[in-house]
């Protein structure tokens, strides 16, 4: 059965980067199925990368290889990782973007690629492959490990080849966690951790932390806005009005009916969300 690979990056689609990575993948495994999760992540935004991978990986069949290349440290001494969990293999740089997804899948065995050993193995497996020979001859580009290292490793793993023959096991990887909300008796303070293409502000506040009568505020660098109480849908308010809603990920979102909350409030990653709990006397602190 052909392998299945998901591909997440901050490469965009204006340039040829995504195509070059896919070209290498298909050159090494012509039967490989590749599904793009997104390539429109904000460049170098590790929080967005970790968030997208965390919320997407579980909707794929067991055995899927998840490749994530958001790599502001490309060319540095950071490791090329493959993490094998009970159901998946996650491939990406050792900068923390894999951690949340790996832990959500129950943890896994962490391996760091041994590059010289890996290319010797590939040269034996894919003898005469023109694309691989080009990469081996020129050596991995210091600015494009996605094409020259992550893609060959992902193709190798999708082909069912043993990770232990090309990588060394590690006890840990770089830690990077999506910030958790601060929960108090009368309030919850969260953060905007992701902004989708519609300009919806997705927060780290889970559904169980927000009551139907709680008042929700958005604090940006410029303003503090009363968004109001939870609504049931994006169409539950007049056009241009802010809406607080629980989105499909089970997280509190701030949206604007028929518009973009990001644009309307000049919002950004890390902005504060304040959920004020209704008090017995009917007032909010």
C-alpha atoms as a PDB file:
ATOM      1  CA  UNK A   1       0.000   0.000   0.000  1.00  0.00           C
ATOM      2  CA  UNK A   2       1.406   3.459  -0.876  1.00  0.00           C
ATOM      3  CA  UNK A   3       2.576   5.569   2.028  1.00  0.00           C
ATOM      4  CA  UNK A   4       0.725   8.653   3.282  1.00  0.00           C
ATOM      5  CA  UNK A   5       2.556  11.869   4.163  1.00  0.00           C
ATOM      6  CA  UNK A   6       1.224  15.174   5.458  1.00  0.00           C
ATOM      7  CA  UNK A   7       3.259  18.301   4.807  1.00  0.00           C
ATOM      8  CA  UNK A   8       3.120  21.489   6.885  1.00  0.00           C
ATOM      9  CA  UNK A   9       5.391  24.480   6.331  1.00  0.00           C
ATOM     10  CA  UNK A  10       5.750  28.247   6.296  1.00  0.00           C
ATOM     11  CA  UNK A  11       7.029  28.220   2.692  1.00  0.00           C
ATOM     12  CA  UNK A  12       3.923  29.736   1.089  1.00  0.00           C
ATOM     13  CA  UNK A  13       3.159  28.900  -2.543  1.00  0.00           C
ATOM     14  CA  UNK A  14       4.516  31.990  -4.288  1.00  0.00           C
ATOM     15  CA  UNK A  15       7.981  30.438  -4.632  1.00  0.00           C
ATOM     16  CA  UNK A  16       9.080  26.977  -5.736  1.00  0.00           C
ATOM     17  CA  UNK A  17      10.021  25.657  -2.271  1.00  0.00           C
ATOM     18  CA  UNK A  18       6.979  23.438  -1.730  1.00  0.00           C
ATOM     19  CA  UNK A  19       7.239  22.044  -5.253  1.00  0.00           C
ATOM     20  CA  UNK A  20      10.926  21.223  -4.805  1.00  0.00           C
ATOM     21  CA  UNK A  21      10.246  19.316  -1.574  1.00  0.00           C
ATOM     22  CA  UNK A  22       7.432  17.384  -3.250  1.00  0.00           C
ATOM     23  CA  UNK A  23       9.633  16.733  -6.267  1.00  0.00           C
ATOM     24  CA  UNK A  24      12.226  15.013  -4.086  1.00  0.00           C
ATOM     25  CA  UNK A  25       9.533  13.050  -2.244  1.00  0.00           C
ATOM     26  CA  UNK A  26       7.980  11.764  -5.459  1.00  0.00           C
ATOM     27  CA  UNK A  27      11.353  11.079  -7.071  1.00  0.00           C
ATOM     28  CA  UNK A  28      12.190   8.731  -4.216  1.00  0.00           C
ATOM     29  CA  UNK A  29       8.686   7.293  -3.813  1.00  0.00           C
ATOM     30  CA  UNK A  30       6.500   7.788  -6.926  1.00  0.00           C
ATOM     31  CA  UNK A  31       3.511   6.079  -5.262  1.00  0.00           C
ATOM     32  CA  UNK A  32       3.568   8.299  -2.176  1.00  0.00           C
ATOM     33  CA  UNK A  33       0.366  10.168  -1.334  1.00  0.00           C
ATOM     34  CA  UNK A  34       1.065  13.719  -0.078  1.00  0.00           C
ATOM     35  CA  UNK A  35      -1.554  15.819   1.720  1.00  0.00           C
ATOM     36  CA  UNK A  36      -0.800  19.487   2.377  1.00  0.00           C
ATOM     37  CA  UNK A  37      -1.991  20.645   5.790  1.00  0.00           C
ATOM     38  CA  UNK A  38      -0.898  24.238   5.192  1.00  0.00           C
ATOM     39  CA  UNK A  39       2.006  26.231   3.782  1.00  0.00           C
ATOM     40  CA  UNK A  40       0.664  29.621   4.870  1.00  0.00           C
ATOM     41  CA  UNK A  41       1.948  29.685   8.436  1.00  0.00           C
ATOM     42  CA  UNK A  42       3.507  32.972   9.490  1.00  0.00           C
ATOM     43  CA  UNK A  43       7.240  32.570   8.777  1.00  0.00           C
ATOM     44  CA  UNK A  44       9.072  31.200  11.789  1.00  0.00           C
ATOM     45  CA  UNK A  45       5.977  31.184  14.015  1.00  0.00           C
ATOM     46  CA  UNK A  46       6.566  28.134  16.218  1.00  0.00           C
ATOM     47  CA  UNK A  47       3.318  28.575  18.159  1.00  0.00           C
ATOM     48  CA  UNK A  48       1.246  28.494  14.973  1.00  0.00           C
ATOM     49  CA  UNK A  49       3.192  25.479  13.716  1.00  0.00           C
ATOM     50  CA  UNK A  50       2.742  23.520  16.928  1.00  0.00           C
ATOM     51  CA  UNK A  51      -0.954  24.464  17.056  1.00  0.00           C
ATOM     52  CA  UNK A  52      -1.764  23.368  13.502  1.00  0.00           C
ATOM     53  CA  UNK A  53       0.078  20.067  13.834  1.00  0.00           C
ATOM     54  CA  UNK A  54      -1.527  19.357  17.218  1.00  0.00           C
ATOM     55  CA  UNK A  55      -5.049  19.852  15.910  1.00  0.00           C
ATOM     56  CA  UNK A  56      -4.596  18.161  12.516  1.00  0.00           C
ATOM     57  CA  UNK A  57      -2.541  15.012  13.055  1.00  0.00           C
ATOM     58  CA  UNK A  58      -5.227  12.856  14.666  1.00  0.00           C
ATOM     59  CA  UNK A  59      -7.524  13.024  11.623  1.00  0.00           C
ATOM     60  CA  UNK A  60      -5.172  10.808   9.607  1.00  0.00           C
ATOM     61  CA  UNK A  61      -4.923   7.043   9.530  1.00  0.00           C
ATOM     62  CA  UNK A  62      -2.388   5.192  11.643  1.00  0.00           C
ATOM     63  CA  UNK A  63       0.927   4.877   9.837  1.00  0.00           C
ATOM     64  CA  UNK A  64       0.861   8.405   8.420  1.00  0.00           C
ATOM     65  CA  UNK A  65       4.157  10.301   8.439  1.00  0.00           C
ATOM     66  CA  UNK A  66       3.682  13.944   9.474  1.00  0.00           C
ATOM     67  CA  UNK A  67       6.359  16.285   8.057  1.00  0.00           C
ATOM     68  CA  UNK A  68       6.533  19.796   9.527  1.00  0.00           C
ATOM     69  CA  UNK A  69       9.159  22.259   8.282  1.00  0.00           C
ATOM     70  CA  UNK A  70       8.978  25.524  10.186  1.00  0.00           C
ATOM     71  CA  UNK A  71      12.656  25.979  10.739  1.00  0.00           C
ATOM     72  CA  UNK A  72      14.061  29.433  11.530  1.00  0.00           C
ATOM     73  CA  UNK A  73      17.228  27.690  12.754  1.00  0.00           C
ATOM     74  CA  UNK A  74      17.924  25.982   9.418  1.00  0.00           C
ATOM     75  CA  UNK A  75      21.645  25.435   8.884  1.00  0.00           C
ATOM     76  CA  UNK A  76      22.423  25.513  12.617  1.00  0.00           C
ATOM     77  CA  UNK A  77      23.456  22.596  14.811  1.00  0.00           C
ATOM     78  CA  UNK A  78      19.866  21.655  15.698  1.00  0.00           C
ATOM     79  CA  UNK A  79      18.978  18.043  14.986  1.00  0.00           C
ATOM     80  CA  UNK A  80      16.792  16.600  12.240  1.00  0.00           C
ATOM     81  CA  UNK A  81      14.196  14.614  14.197  1.00  0.00           C
ATOM     82  CA  UNK A  82      11.928  11.677  13.570  1.00  0.00           C
ATOM     83  CA  UNK A  83       9.649  10.770  16.478  1.00  0.00           C
ATOM     84  CA  UNK A  84       7.840   7.448  16.386  1.00  0.00           C
ATOM     85  CA  UNK A  85       4.641   7.287  18.438  1.00  0.00           C
ATOM     86  CA  UNK A  86       2.148   4.452  18.743  1.00  0.00           C
ATOM     87  CA  UNK A  87       0.295   5.514  15.579  1.00  0.00           C
ATOM     88  CA  UNK A  88       2.452   7.957  13.599  1.00  0.00           C
ATOM     89  CA  UNK A  89       5.921   9.209  12.767  1.00  0.00           C
ATOM     90  CA  UNK A  90       6.573  12.953  13.127  1.00  0.00           C
ATOM     91  CA  UNK A  91       9.458  14.495  11.189  1.00  0.00           C
ATOM     92  CA  UNK A  92      10.768  18.019  11.741  1.00  0.00           C
ATOM     93  CA  UNK A  93      13.501  20.194  13.228  1.00  0.00           C
ATOM     94  CA  UNK A  94      14.385  19.942  16.900  1.00  0.00           C
ATOM     95  CA  UNK A  95      12.884  23.315  17.795  1.00  0.00           C
ATOM     96  CA  UNK A  96       9.804  22.206  19.751  1.00  0.00           C
ATOM     97  CA  UNK A  97       7.114  22.204  17.057  1.00  0.00           C
ATOM     98  CA  UNK A  98       6.583  18.435  17.297  1.00  0.00           C
ATOM     99  CA  UNK A  99       6.261  18.217  21.075  1.00  0.00           C
ATOM    100  CA  UNK A 100       2.575  18.997  21.621  1.00  0.00           C
ATOM    101  CA  UNK A 101       1.423  16.565  18.915  1.00  0.00           C
ATOM    102  CA  UNK A 102       3.776  13.828  20.089  1.00  0.00           C
ATOM    103  CA  UNK A 103       2.577  14.137  23.685  1.00  0.00           C
ATOM    104  CA  UNK A 104      -1.059  14.204  22.568  1.00  0.00           C
ATOM    105  CA  UNK A 105      -0.433  10.865  20.844  1.00  0.00           C
ATOM    106  CA  UNK A 106       0.977   9.366  24.029  1.00  0.00           C
ATOM    107  CA  UNK A 107       4.650  10.200  23.587  1.00  0.00           C
ATOM    108  CA  UNK A 108       7.174   8.409  21.471  1.00  0.00           C
ATOM    109  CA  UNK A 109      10.749   7.394  20.708  1.00  0.00           C
ATOM    110  CA  UNK A 110      12.918  10.299  19.559  1.00  0.00           C
ATOM    111  CA  UNK A 111      15.599   9.843  16.900  1.00  0.00           C
ATOM    112  CA  UNK A 112      18.151  12.285  15.468  1.00  0.00           C
ATOM    113  CA  UNK A 113      19.267  11.752  11.884  1.00  0.00           C
ATOM    114  CA  UNK A 114      22.867  10.667  11.289  1.00  0.00           C
ATOM    115  CA  UNK A 115      23.345  12.517   8.019  1.00  0.00           C
ATOM    116  CA  UNK A 116      26.451  10.781   6.643  1.00  0.00           C
ATOM    117  CA  UNK A 117      25.083   7.331   7.462  1.00  0.00           C
ATOM    118  CA  UNK A 118      21.714   8.308   6.026  1.00  0.00           C
ATOM    119  CA  UNK A 119      23.071   9.314   2.619  1.00  0.00           C
ATOM    120  CA  UNK A 120      25.115   6.125   2.390  1.00  0.00           C
ATOM    121  CA  UNK A 121      21.931   4.146   3.040  1.00  0.00           C
ATOM    122  CA  UNK A 122      19.950   6.169   0.495  1.00  0.00           C
ATOM    123  CA  UNK A 123      22.631   5.780  -2.154  1.00  0.00           C
ATOM    124  CA  UNK A 124      22.348   2.029  -1.727  1.00  0.00           C
ATOM    125  CA  UNK A 125      18.537   1.949  -1.698  1.00  0.00           C
ATOM    126  CA  UNK A 126      17.992   4.376  -4.568  1.00  0.00           C
ATOM    127  CA  UNK A 127      20.971   3.545  -6.738  1.00  0.00           C
ATOM    128  CA  UNK A 128      20.893   5.502 -10.000  1.00  0.00           C
ATOM    129  CA  UNK A 129      18.227   7.976  -8.822  1.00  0.00           C
ATOM    130  CA  UNK A 130      19.117  11.264 -10.545  1.00  0.00           C
ATOM    131  CA  UNK A 131      17.469  13.518  -7.983  1.00  0.00           C
ATOM    132  CA  UNK A 132      19.164  11.820  -5.034  1.00  0.00           C
ATOM    133  CA  UNK A 133      22.516  11.876  -6.823  1.00  0.00           C
ATOM    134  CA  UNK A 134      22.154  15.634  -7.332  1.00  0.00           C
ATOM    135  CA  UNK A 135      21.527  16.177  -3.600  1.00  0.00           C
ATOM    136  CA  UNK A 136      24.403  13.901  -2.594  1.00  0.00           C
ATOM    137  CA  UNK A 137      26.793  15.521  -5.052  1.00  0.00           C
ATOM    138  CA  UNK A 138      26.075  19.107  -4.006  1.00  0.00           C
ATOM    139  CA  UNK A 139      25.515  18.278  -0.329  1.00  0.00           C
ATOM    140  CA  UNK A 140      22.564  19.478   1.748  1.00  0.00           C
ATOM    141  CA  UNK A 141      21.939  23.194   1.290  1.00  0.00           C
ATOM    142  CA  UNK A 142      22.474  25.122   4.531  1.00  0.00           C
ATOM    143  CA  UNK A 143      19.321  27.107   3.748  1.00  0.00           C
ATOM    144  CA  UNK A 144      17.005  24.370   2.471  1.00  0.00           C
ATOM    145  CA  UNK A 145      17.031  21.304   4.715  1.00  0.00           C
ATOM    146  CA  UNK A 146      13.365  20.819   3.840  1.00  0.00           C
ATOM    147  CA  UNK A 147      14.301  19.687   0.335  1.00  0.00           C
ATOM    148  CA  UNK A 148      17.665  18.056   0.987  1.00  0.00           C
ATOM    149  CA  UNK A 149      17.181  16.338   4.378  1.00  0.00           C
ATOM    150  CA  UNK A 150      13.573  16.319   5.587  1.00  0.00           C
ATOM    151  CA  UNK A 151      12.128  15.212   2.238  1.00  0.00           C
ATOM    152  CA  UNK A 152      14.513  12.251   1.725  1.00  0.00           C
ATOM    153  CA  UNK A 153      14.041  11.162   5.352  1.00  0.00           C
ATOM    154  CA  UNK A 154      10.250  11.328   5.023  1.00  0.00           C
ATOM    155  CA  UNK A 155      10.282   9.324   1.788  1.00  0.00           C
ATOM    156  CA  UNK A 156      12.552   6.749   3.422  1.00  0.00           C
ATOM    157  CA  UNK A 157      10.181   6.359   6.372  1.00  0.00           C
ATOM    158  CA  UNK A 158       7.069   6.237   4.186  1.00  0.00           C
ATOM    159  CA  UNK A 159       8.738   3.356   2.374  1.00  0.00           C
ATOM    160  CA  UNK A 160       8.776   1.377   5.607  1.00  0.00           C
ATOM    161  CA  UNK A 161      12.559   1.425   6.048  1.00  0.00           C
ATOM    162  CA  UNK A 162      13.985   1.126   9.585  1.00  0.00           C
ATOM    163  CA  UNK A 163      14.634   4.389  11.382  1.00  0.00           C
ATOM    164  CA  UNK A 164      17.275   2.783  13.620  1.00  0.00           C
ATOM    165  CA  UNK A 165      19.605   2.248  10.652  1.00  0.00           C
ATOM    166  CA  UNK A 166      19.942   5.962   9.868  1.00  0.00           C
ATOM    167  CA  UNK A 167      19.348   7.720  13.196  1.00  0.00           C
ATOM    168  CA  UNK A 168      20.401   7.605  16.822  1.00  0.00           C
ATOM    169  CA  UNK A 169      17.880   7.568  19.652  1.00  0.00           C
ATOM    170  CA  UNK A 170      17.709  10.576  21.977  1.00  0.00           C
ATOM    171  CA  UNK A 171      16.230  10.910  25.446  1.00  0.00           C
ATOM    172  CA  UNK A 172      14.534  14.259  24.807  1.00  0.00           C
ATOM    173  CA  UNK A 173      13.862  17.027  22.323  1.00  0.00           C
ATOM    174  CA  UNK A 174      13.682  20.800  22.607  1.00  0.00           C
ATOM    175  CA  UNK A 175      10.663  21.812  24.670  1.00  0.00           C
ATOM    176  CA  UNK A 176       8.181  24.303  23.281  1.00  0.00           C
ATOM    177  CA  UNK A 177       4.660  24.437  24.634  1.00  0.00           C
ATOM    178  CA  UNK A 178       1.631  26.412  23.594  1.00  0.00           C
ATOM    179  CA  UNK A 179       0.904  28.692  26.525  1.00  0.00           C
ATOM    180  CA  UNK A 180      -1.848  27.543  28.897  1.00  0.00           C
ATOM    181  CA  UNK A 181      -4.504  29.952  30.224  1.00  0.00           C
ATOM    182  CA  UNK A 182      -4.357  31.355  33.737  1.00  0.00           C
ATOM    183  CA  UNK A 183      -7.425  30.251  35.681  1.00  0.00           C
ATOM    184  CA  UNK A 184      -8.602  32.196  38.748  1.00  0.00           C
ATOM    185  CA  UNK A 185     -11.780  31.967  40.799  1.00  0.00           C
ATOM    186  CA  UNK A 186     -13.458  34.884  39.034  1.00  0.00           C
ATOM    187  CA  UNK A 187     -11.662  34.987  35.682  1.00  0.00           C
ATOM    188  CA  UNK A 188      -9.702  33.168  33.019  1.00  0.00           C
ATOM    189  CA  UNK A 189      -6.898  34.910  31.133  1.00  0.00           C
ATOM    190  CA  UNK A 190      -5.837  33.361  27.840  1.00  0.00           C
ATOM    191  CA  UNK A 191      -3.884  34.240  24.713  1.00  0.00           C
ATOM    192  CA  UNK A 192      -4.452  34.341  20.993  1.00  0.00           C
ATOM    193  CA  UNK A 193      -2.436  31.327  19.814  1.00  0.00           C
ATOM    194  CA  UNK A 194      -3.561  31.085  16.186  1.00  0.00           C
ATOM    195  CA  UNK A 195      -5.133  33.334  13.549  1.00  0.00           C
ATOM    196  CA  UNK A 196      -6.821  31.614  10.634  1.00  0.00           C
ATOM    197  CA  UNK A 197      -7.185  32.942   7.069  1.00  0.00           C
ATOM    198  CA  UNK A 198     -10.588  34.461   7.931  1.00  0.00           C
ATOM    199  CA  UNK A 199      -8.995  36.598  10.638  1.00  0.00           C
ATOM    200  CA  UNK A 200     -10.585  34.608  13.462  1.00  0.00           C
ATOM    201  CA  UNK A 201      -8.590  34.817  16.694  1.00  0.00           C
ATOM    202  CA  UNK A 202      -8.265  31.322  18.146  1.00  0.00           C
ATOM    203  CA  UNK A 203      -7.317  31.222  21.807  1.00  0.00           C
ATOM    204  CA  UNK A 204      -5.919  28.716  24.272  1.00  0.00           C
ATOM    205  CA  UNK A 205      -9.091  28.883  26.407  1.00  0.00           C
ATOM    206  CA  UNK A 206     -10.910  25.558  26.341  1.00  0.00           C
ATOM    207  CA  UNK A 207     -14.675  25.242  26.129  1.00  0.00           C
ATOM    208  CA  UNK A 208     -15.083  23.996  29.717  1.00  0.00           C
ATOM    209  CA  UNK A 209     -13.552  27.234  31.047  1.00  0.00           C
ATOM    210  CA  UNK A 210     -16.225  29.508  29.527  1.00  0.00           C
ATOM    211  CA  UNK A 211     -19.778  29.789  30.854  1.00  0.00           C
ATOM    212  CA  UNK A 212     -22.779  30.956  28.848  1.00  0.00           C
ATOM    213  CA  UNK A 213     -23.151  34.074  31.042  1.00  0.00           C
ATOM    214  CA  UNK A 214     -19.466  34.994  31.233  1.00  0.00           C
ATOM    215  CA  UNK A 215     -18.360  38.269  29.667  1.00  0.00           C
ATOM    216  CA  UNK A 216     -15.430  38.051  27.267  1.00  0.00           C
ATOM    217  CA  UNK A 217     -12.922  40.816  26.520  1.00  0.00           C
ATOM    218  CA  UNK A 218     -10.159  41.133  23.929  1.00  0.00           C
ATOM    219  CA  UNK A 219      -7.097  43.182  24.879  1.00  0.00           C
ATOM    220  CA  UNK A 220      -4.728  44.243  22.110  1.00  0.00           C
ATOM    221  CA  UNK A 221      -1.840  46.692  22.172  1.00  0.00           C
ATOM    222  CA  UNK A 222      -4.305  49.450  21.288  1.00  0.00           C
ATOM    223  CA  UNK A 223      -7.659  48.701  22.900  1.00  0.00           C
ATOM    224  CA  UNK A 224      -9.718  46.667  25.350  1.00  0.00           C
ATOM    225  CA  UNK A 225     -12.930  45.481  23.640  1.00  0.00           C
ATOM    226  CA  UNK A 226     -15.987  43.952  25.256  1.00  0.00           C
ATOM    227  CA  UNK A 227     -16.875  41.085  22.926  1.00  0.00           C
ATOM    228  CA  UNK A 228     -19.775  39.892  25.062  1.00  0.00           C
ATOM    229  CA  UNK A 229     -21.148  36.446  25.845  1.00  0.00           C
ATOM    230  CA  UNK A 230     -20.797  33.264  23.839  1.00  0.00           C
ATOM    231  CA  UNK A 231     -22.775  32.959  20.630  1.00  0.00           C
ATOM    232  CA  UNK A 232     -23.795  29.775  18.811  1.00  0.00           C
ATOM    233  CA  UNK A 233     -22.535  30.605  15.307  1.00  0.00           C
ATOM    234  CA  UNK A 234     -20.623  33.138  13.238  1.00  0.00           C
ATOM    235  CA  UNK A 235     -23.950  34.503  11.990  1.00  0.00           C
ATOM    236  CA  UNK A 236     -25.329  35.159  15.492  1.00  0.00           C
ATOM    237  CA  UNK A 237     -24.570  38.901  15.363  1.00  0.00           C
ATOM    238  CA  UNK A 238     -25.021  41.764  12.938  1.00  0.00           C
ATOM    239  CA  UNK A 239     -22.454  42.334  10.230  1.00  0.00           C
ATOM    240  CA  UNK A 240     -19.287  43.868  11.634  1.00  0.00           C
ATOM    241  CA  UNK A 241     -20.094  42.928  15.253  1.00  0.00           C
ATOM    242  CA  UNK A 242     -17.571  40.952  17.329  1.00  0.00           C
ATOM    243  CA  UNK A 243     -18.514  37.405  18.317  1.00  0.00           C
ATOM    244  CA  UNK A 244     -17.202  35.021  20.956  1.00  0.00           C
ATOM    245  CA  UNK A 245     -17.735  31.420  19.886  1.00  0.00           C
ATOM    246  CA  UNK A 246     -16.471  27.925  20.630  1.00  0.00           C
ATOM    247  CA  UNK A 247     -14.855  26.735  17.407  1.00  0.00           C
ATOM    248  CA  UNK A 248     -14.461  23.265  15.933  1.00  0.00           C
ATOM    249  CA  UNK A 249     -11.334  22.625  18.008  1.00  0.00           C
ATOM    250  CA  UNK A 250     -13.216  23.144  21.271  1.00  0.00           C
ATOM    251  CA  UNK A 251     -11.460  26.465  21.899  1.00  0.00           C
ATOM    252  CA  UNK A 252     -12.745  29.986  22.436  1.00  0.00           C
ATOM    253  CA  UNK A 253     -12.505  32.130  19.297  1.00  0.00           C
ATOM    254  CA  UNK A 254     -13.065  35.815  18.653  1.00  0.00           C
ATOM    255  CA  UNK A 255     -14.563  36.549  15.252  1.00  0.00           C
ATOM    256  CA  UNK A 256     -16.296  39.394  13.440  1.00  0.00           C
ATOM    257  CA  UNK A 257     -19.516  38.669  11.602  1.00  0.00           C
ATOM    258  CA  UNK A 258     -18.793  39.088   7.899  1.00  0.00           C
ATOM    259  CA  UNK A 259     -15.308  40.394   8.579  1.00  0.00           C
ATOM    260  CA  UNK A 260     -11.890  39.827  10.124  1.00  0.00           C
ATOM    261  CA  UNK A 261     -11.305  40.185  13.860  1.00  0.00           C
ATOM    262  CA  UNK A 262      -7.590  40.428  13.211  1.00  0.00           C
ATOM    263  CA  UNK A 263      -8.041  43.426  10.905  1.00  0.00           C
ATOM    264  CA  UNK A 264     -10.827  45.145  12.846  1.00  0.00           C
ATOM    265  CA  UNK A 265      -8.998  45.061  16.177  1.00  0.00           C
ATOM    266  CA  UNK A 266      -5.422  45.114  14.815  1.00  0.00           C
ATOM    267  CA  UNK A 267      -4.948  41.907  16.786  1.00  0.00           C
ATOM    268  CA  UNK A 268      -1.925  39.648  16.831  1.00  0.00           C
ATOM    269  CA  UNK A 269      -0.554  36.467  18.309  1.00  0.00           C
ATOM    270  CA  UNK A 270      -0.149  36.729  22.080  1.00  0.00           C
ATOM    271  CA  UNK A 271      -2.952  39.249  22.631  1.00  0.00           C
ATOM    272  CA  UNK A 272      -4.905  38.699  25.845  1.00  0.00           C
ATOM    273  CA  UNK A 273      -8.386  37.209  26.164  1.00  0.00           C
ATOM    274  CA  UNK A 274     -10.171  37.832  29.448  1.00  0.00           C
ATOM    275  CA  UNK A 275     -13.158  35.749  30.521  1.00  0.00           C
ATOM    276  CA  UNK A 276     -14.933  37.335  33.502  1.00  0.00           C
ATOM    277  CA  UNK A 277     -17.086  35.005  35.575  1.00  0.00           C
ATOM    278  CA  UNK A 278     -20.526  36.211  36.621  1.00  0.00           C
ATOM    279  CA  UNK A 279     -20.718  36.756  40.372  1.00  0.00           C
ATOM    280  CA  UNK A 280     -23.631  35.868  42.631  1.00  0.00           C
ATOM    281  CA  UNK A 281     -24.743  39.473  42.829  1.00  0.00           C
ATOM    282  CA  UNK A 282     -25.035  39.721  39.061  1.00  0.00           C
ATOM    283  CA  UNK A 283     -21.883  41.821  38.599  1.00  0.00           C
ATOM    284  CA  UNK A 284     -18.596  41.073  36.876  1.00  0.00           C
ATOM    285  CA  UNK A 285     -15.319  41.940  38.534  1.00  0.00           C
END
